[in-house]
Amino acid sequence: MDVVADRALTTRQTVARIERGDPRVAMGTWASVLFALGLANRLGELAAPAGDREGLALEAERLPKRVRLPRTARGNP
């Protein structure tokens, strides 16, 4: 843990907070630790909507169940 903290330019205590999932750790610090661990390529996946199953399910619930087009849009005057 000391090596990761040194490479990420942070403290061992901060790395321990990241390991516990402490939401108060700054995103820049999270990114620095990911770079130190060689996982920076996964940083883009952090907020990728396609990987958020719960968010996608909630969004699907908000979609209208049935859509009716106005008569003029259907081709009937």
N, C-alpha and C. Protein backbone atom coordinates (compact mmCIF):
# COMPACT_ATOMS: atom_id res chain seq x y z
N MET A 1 0.82 -1.19 0.00
CA MET A 1 0.00 0.00 0.00
C MET A 1 0.87 1.25 0.00
N ASP A 2 2.03 1.19 0.63
CA ASP A 2 2.94 2.33 0.66
C ASP A 2 3.43 2.69 -0.74
N VAL A 3 3.71 1.67 -1.55
CA VAL A 3 4.21 1.91 -2.91
C VAL A 3 3.13 2.59 -3.75
N VAL A 4 1.90 2.12 -3.63
CA VAL A 4 0.79 2.73 -4.38
C VAL A 4 0.60 4.18 -3.94
N ALA A 5 0.62 4.42 -2.66
CA ALA A 5 0.46 5.78 -2.14
C ALA A 5 1.57 6.69 -2.66
N ASP A 6 2.81 6.21 -2.65
CA ASP A 6 3.93 7.02 -3.16
C ASP A 6 3.76 7.33 -4.63
N ARG A 7 3.39 6.32 -5.42
CA ARG A 7 3.22 6.52 -6.87
C ARG A 7 2.05 7.43 -7.19
N ALA A 8 1.01 7.39 -6.36
CA ALA A 8 -0.17 8.22 -6.59
C ALA A 8 -0.04 9.60 -5.95
N LEU A 9 1.11 9.85 -5.29
CA LEU A 9 1.36 11.13 -4.63
C LEU A 9 0.29 11.44 -3.58
N THR A 10 -0.03 10.45 -2.78
CA THR A 10 -1.01 10.61 -1.72
C THR A 10 -0.53 9.85 -0.49
N THR A 11 -1.32 9.81 0.54
CA THR A 11 -0.92 9.13 1.76
C THR A 11 -1.47 7.71 1.82
N ARG A 12 -0.86 6.91 2.68
CA ARG A 12 -1.32 5.53 2.88
C ARG A 12 -2.74 5.52 3.43
N GLN A 13 -3.05 6.50 4.28
CA GLN A 13 -4.39 6.59 4.86
C GLN A 13 -5.44 6.87 3.78
N THR A 14 -5.10 7.70 2.81
CA THR A 14 -6.04 7.99 1.72
C THR A 14 -6.27 6.76 0.87
N VAL A 15 -5.21 6.00 0.60
CA VAL A 15 -5.37 4.76 -0.17
C VAL A 15 -6.27 3.79 0.61
N ALA A 16 -6.11 3.73 1.91
CA ALA A 16 -6.96 2.87 2.74
C ALA A 16 -8.41 3.33 2.67
N ARG A 17 -8.64 4.64 2.65
CA ARG A 17 -10.01 5.16 2.52
C ARG A 17 -10.60 4.78 1.16
N ILE A 18 -9.79 4.82 0.13
CA ILE A 18 -10.25 4.40 -1.20
C ILE A 18 -10.62 2.93 -1.19
N GLU A 19 -9.80 2.11 -0.55
CA GLU A 19 -10.08 0.68 -0.48
C GLU A 19 -11.39 0.40 0.26
N ARG A 20 -11.72 1.24 1.23
CA ARG A 20 -12.98 1.07 1.97
C ARG A 20 -14.16 1.65 1.20
N GLY A 21 -13.89 2.39 0.13
CA GLY A 21 -14.97 2.97 -0.67
C GLY A 21 -15.49 4.29 -0.12
N ASP A 22 -14.65 5.00 0.60
CA ASP A 22 -15.04 6.28 1.20
C ASP A 22 -15.40 7.29 0.09
N PRO A 23 -16.65 7.76 0.05
CA PRO A 23 -17.07 8.68 -1.02
C PRO A 23 -16.50 10.09 -0.85
N ARG A 24 -15.86 10.37 0.26
CA ARG A 24 -15.31 11.72 0.49
C ARG A 24 -13.95 11.92 -0.16
N VAL A 25 -13.36 10.86 -0.71
CA VAL A 25 -12.07 10.98 -1.39
C VAL A 25 -12.30 11.62 -2.75
N ALA A 26 -11.49 12.60 -3.08
CA ALA A 26 -11.64 13.35 -4.34
C ALA A 26 -11.43 12.44 -5.55
N MET A 27 -12.17 12.73 -6.62
CA MET A 27 -12.06 11.93 -7.85
C MET A 27 -10.64 11.97 -8.43
N GLY A 28 -9.97 13.10 -8.27
CA GLY A 28 -8.59 13.19 -8.76
C GLY A 28 -7.67 12.21 -8.06
N THR A 29 -7.92 12.00 -6.77
CA THR A 29 -7.13 11.05 -6.01
C THR A 29 -7.43 9.63 -6.47
N TRP A 30 -8.71 9.34 -6.71
CA TRP A 30 -9.09 8.02 -7.24
C TRP A 30 -8.36 7.80 -8.57
N ALA A 31 -8.35 8.81 -9.43
CA ALA A 31 -7.69 8.68 -10.74
C ALA A 31 -6.20 8.45 -10.57
N SER A 32 -5.57 9.15 -9.64
CA SER A 32 -4.14 8.97 -9.41
C SER A 32 -3.83 7.55 -8.96
N VAL A 33 -4.66 7.00 -8.09
CA VAL A 33 -4.44 5.63 -7.63
C VAL A 33 -4.65 4.64 -8.78
N LEU A 34 -5.66 4.88 -9.61
CA LEU A 34 -5.86 4.00 -10.77
C LEU A 34 -4.65 4.04 -11.71
N PHE A 35 -4.09 5.23 -11.93
CA PHE A 35 -2.89 5.34 -12.76
C PHE A 35 -1.74 4.58 -12.11
N ALA A 36 -1.58 4.72 -10.80
CA ALA A 36 -0.49 4.04 -10.09
C ALA A 36 -0.62 2.52 -10.17
N LEU A 37 -1.85 2.03 -10.23
CA LEU A 37 -2.09 0.59 -10.31
C LEU A 37 -2.12 0.07 -11.74
N GLY A 38 -1.99 0.97 -12.71
CA GLY A 38 -2.03 0.56 -14.11
C GLY A 38 -3.43 0.28 -14.60
N LEU A 39 -4.43 0.86 -13.94
CA LEU A 39 -5.83 0.64 -14.31
C LEU A 39 -6.48 1.89 -14.89
N ALA A 40 -5.68 2.81 -15.39
CA ALA A 40 -6.22 4.07 -15.89
C ALA A 40 -7.14 3.86 -17.09
N ASN A 41 -6.93 2.79 -17.85
CA ASN A 41 -7.79 2.54 -19.02
C ASN A 41 -9.22 2.25 -18.59
N ARG A 42 -9.45 1.87 -17.34
CA ARG A 42 -10.80 1.58 -16.85
C ARG A 42 -11.48 2.83 -16.30
N LEU A 43 -10.78 3.95 -16.29
CA LEU A 43 -11.35 5.19 -15.76
C LEU A 43 -12.58 5.62 -16.56
N GLY A 44 -12.56 5.38 -17.86
CA GLY A 44 -13.70 5.73 -18.70
C GLY A 44 -14.94 4.92 -18.39
N GLU A 45 -14.77 3.73 -17.84
CA GLU A 45 -15.89 2.87 -17.49
C GLU A 45 -16.60 3.33 -16.21
N LEU A 46 -15.95 4.21 -15.48
CA LEU A 46 -16.47 4.63 -14.18
C LEU A 46 -17.86 5.26 -14.29
N ALA A 47 -18.06 6.08 -15.28
CA ALA A 47 -19.35 6.75 -15.43
C ALA A 47 -20.03 6.38 -16.75
N ALA A 48 -19.70 5.26 -17.32
CA ALA A 48 -20.29 4.84 -18.58
C ALA A 48 -21.74 4.41 -18.37
N PRO A 49 -22.68 5.05 -19.05
CA PRO A 49 -24.08 4.70 -18.87
C PRO A 49 -24.39 3.25 -19.22
N ALA A 50 -23.69 2.68 -20.18
CA ALA A 50 -23.97 1.31 -20.59
C ALA A 50 -23.68 0.30 -19.48
N GLY A 51 -22.81 0.64 -18.55
CA GLY A 51 -22.47 -0.27 -17.48
C GLY A 51 -23.33 -0.10 -16.24
N ASP A 52 -24.26 0.82 -16.27
CA ASP A 52 -25.10 1.10 -15.10
C ASP A 52 -26.46 0.44 -15.29
N ARG A 53 -26.55 -0.84 -14.91
CA ARG A 53 -27.80 -1.59 -15.12
C ARG A 53 -28.96 -0.99 -14.35
N GLU A 54 -28.71 -0.57 -13.14
CA GLU A 54 -29.80 0.00 -12.34
C GLU A 54 -30.28 1.32 -12.93
N GLY A 55 -29.35 2.15 -13.37
CA GLY A 55 -29.72 3.42 -14.01
C GLY A 55 -30.50 3.20 -15.29
N LEU A 56 -30.08 2.22 -16.09
CA LEU A 56 -30.81 1.91 -17.32
C LEU A 56 -32.22 1.40 -17.02
N ALA A 57 -32.37 0.60 -15.97
CA ALA A 57 -33.69 0.09 -15.60
C ALA A 57 -34.59 1.21 -15.13
N LEU A 58 -34.05 2.13 -14.34
CA LEU A 58 -34.84 3.29 -13.88
C LEU A 58 -35.26 4.16 -15.06
N GLU A 59 -34.36 4.35 -16.01
CA GLU A 59 -34.68 5.15 -17.19
C GLU A 59 -35.76 4.47 -18.03
N ALA A 60 -35.71 3.16 -18.15
CA ALA A 60 -36.72 2.42 -18.91
C ALA A 60 -38.10 2.55 -18.26
N GLU A 61 -38.13 2.60 -16.93
CA GLU A 61 -39.41 2.78 -16.23
C GLU A 61 -40.03 4.14 -16.51
N ARG A 62 -39.19 5.13 -16.76
CA ARG A 62 -39.69 6.49 -17.00
C ARG A 62 -40.19 6.70 -18.42
N LEU A 63 -39.86 5.78 -19.32
CA LEU A 63 -40.31 5.91 -20.70
C LEU A 63 -41.81 5.68 -20.79
N PRO A 64 -42.48 6.36 -21.72
CA PRO A 64 -43.92 6.12 -21.87
C PRO A 64 -44.18 4.68 -22.29
N LYS A 65 -45.27 4.13 -21.79
CA LYS A 65 -45.60 2.73 -22.09
C LYS A 65 -46.15 2.58 -23.51
N ARG A 66 -46.91 3.55 -23.94
CA ARG A 66 -47.50 3.47 -25.27
C ARG A 66 -47.52 4.88 -25.86
N VAL A 67 -47.15 4.99 -27.09
CA VAL A 67 -47.12 6.28 -27.75
C VAL A 67 -48.11 6.25 -28.90
N ARG A 68 -49.00 7.22 -28.93
CA ARG A 68 -49.96 7.34 -30.04
C ARG A 68 -49.60 8.57 -30.84
N LEU A 69 -49.47 8.38 -32.13
CA LEU A 69 -49.17 9.50 -33.01
C LEU A 69 -50.46 10.22 -33.36
N PRO A 70 -50.38 11.53 -33.55
CA PRO A 70 -51.56 12.27 -34.00
C PRO A 70 -52.00 11.76 -35.37
N ARG A 71 -53.27 11.90 -35.68
CA ARG A 71 -53.82 11.38 -36.95
C ARG A 71 -53.07 11.93 -38.16
N THR A 72 -52.70 13.18 -38.11
CA THR A 72 -51.99 13.75 -39.27
C THR A 72 -50.62 13.11 -39.46
N ALA A 73 -49.99 12.69 -38.39
CA ALA A 73 -48.67 12.04 -38.51
C ALA A 73 -48.80 10.62 -39.04
N ARG A 74 -49.97 9.98 -38.85
CA ARG A 74 -50.17 8.61 -39.31
C ARG A 74 -50.55 8.56 -40.79
N GLY A 75 -50.82 9.69 -41.36
CA GLY A 75 -51.19 9.72 -42.77
C GLY A 75 -52.67 9.83 -43.00
N ASN A 76 -53.48 9.86 -41.94
CA ASN A 76 -54.93 10.02 -42.06
C ASN A 76 -55.28 11.46 -41.72
N PRO A 77 -55.85 12.20 -42.66
CA PRO A 77 -56.22 13.61 -42.37
C PRO A 77 -57.36 13.75 -41.41
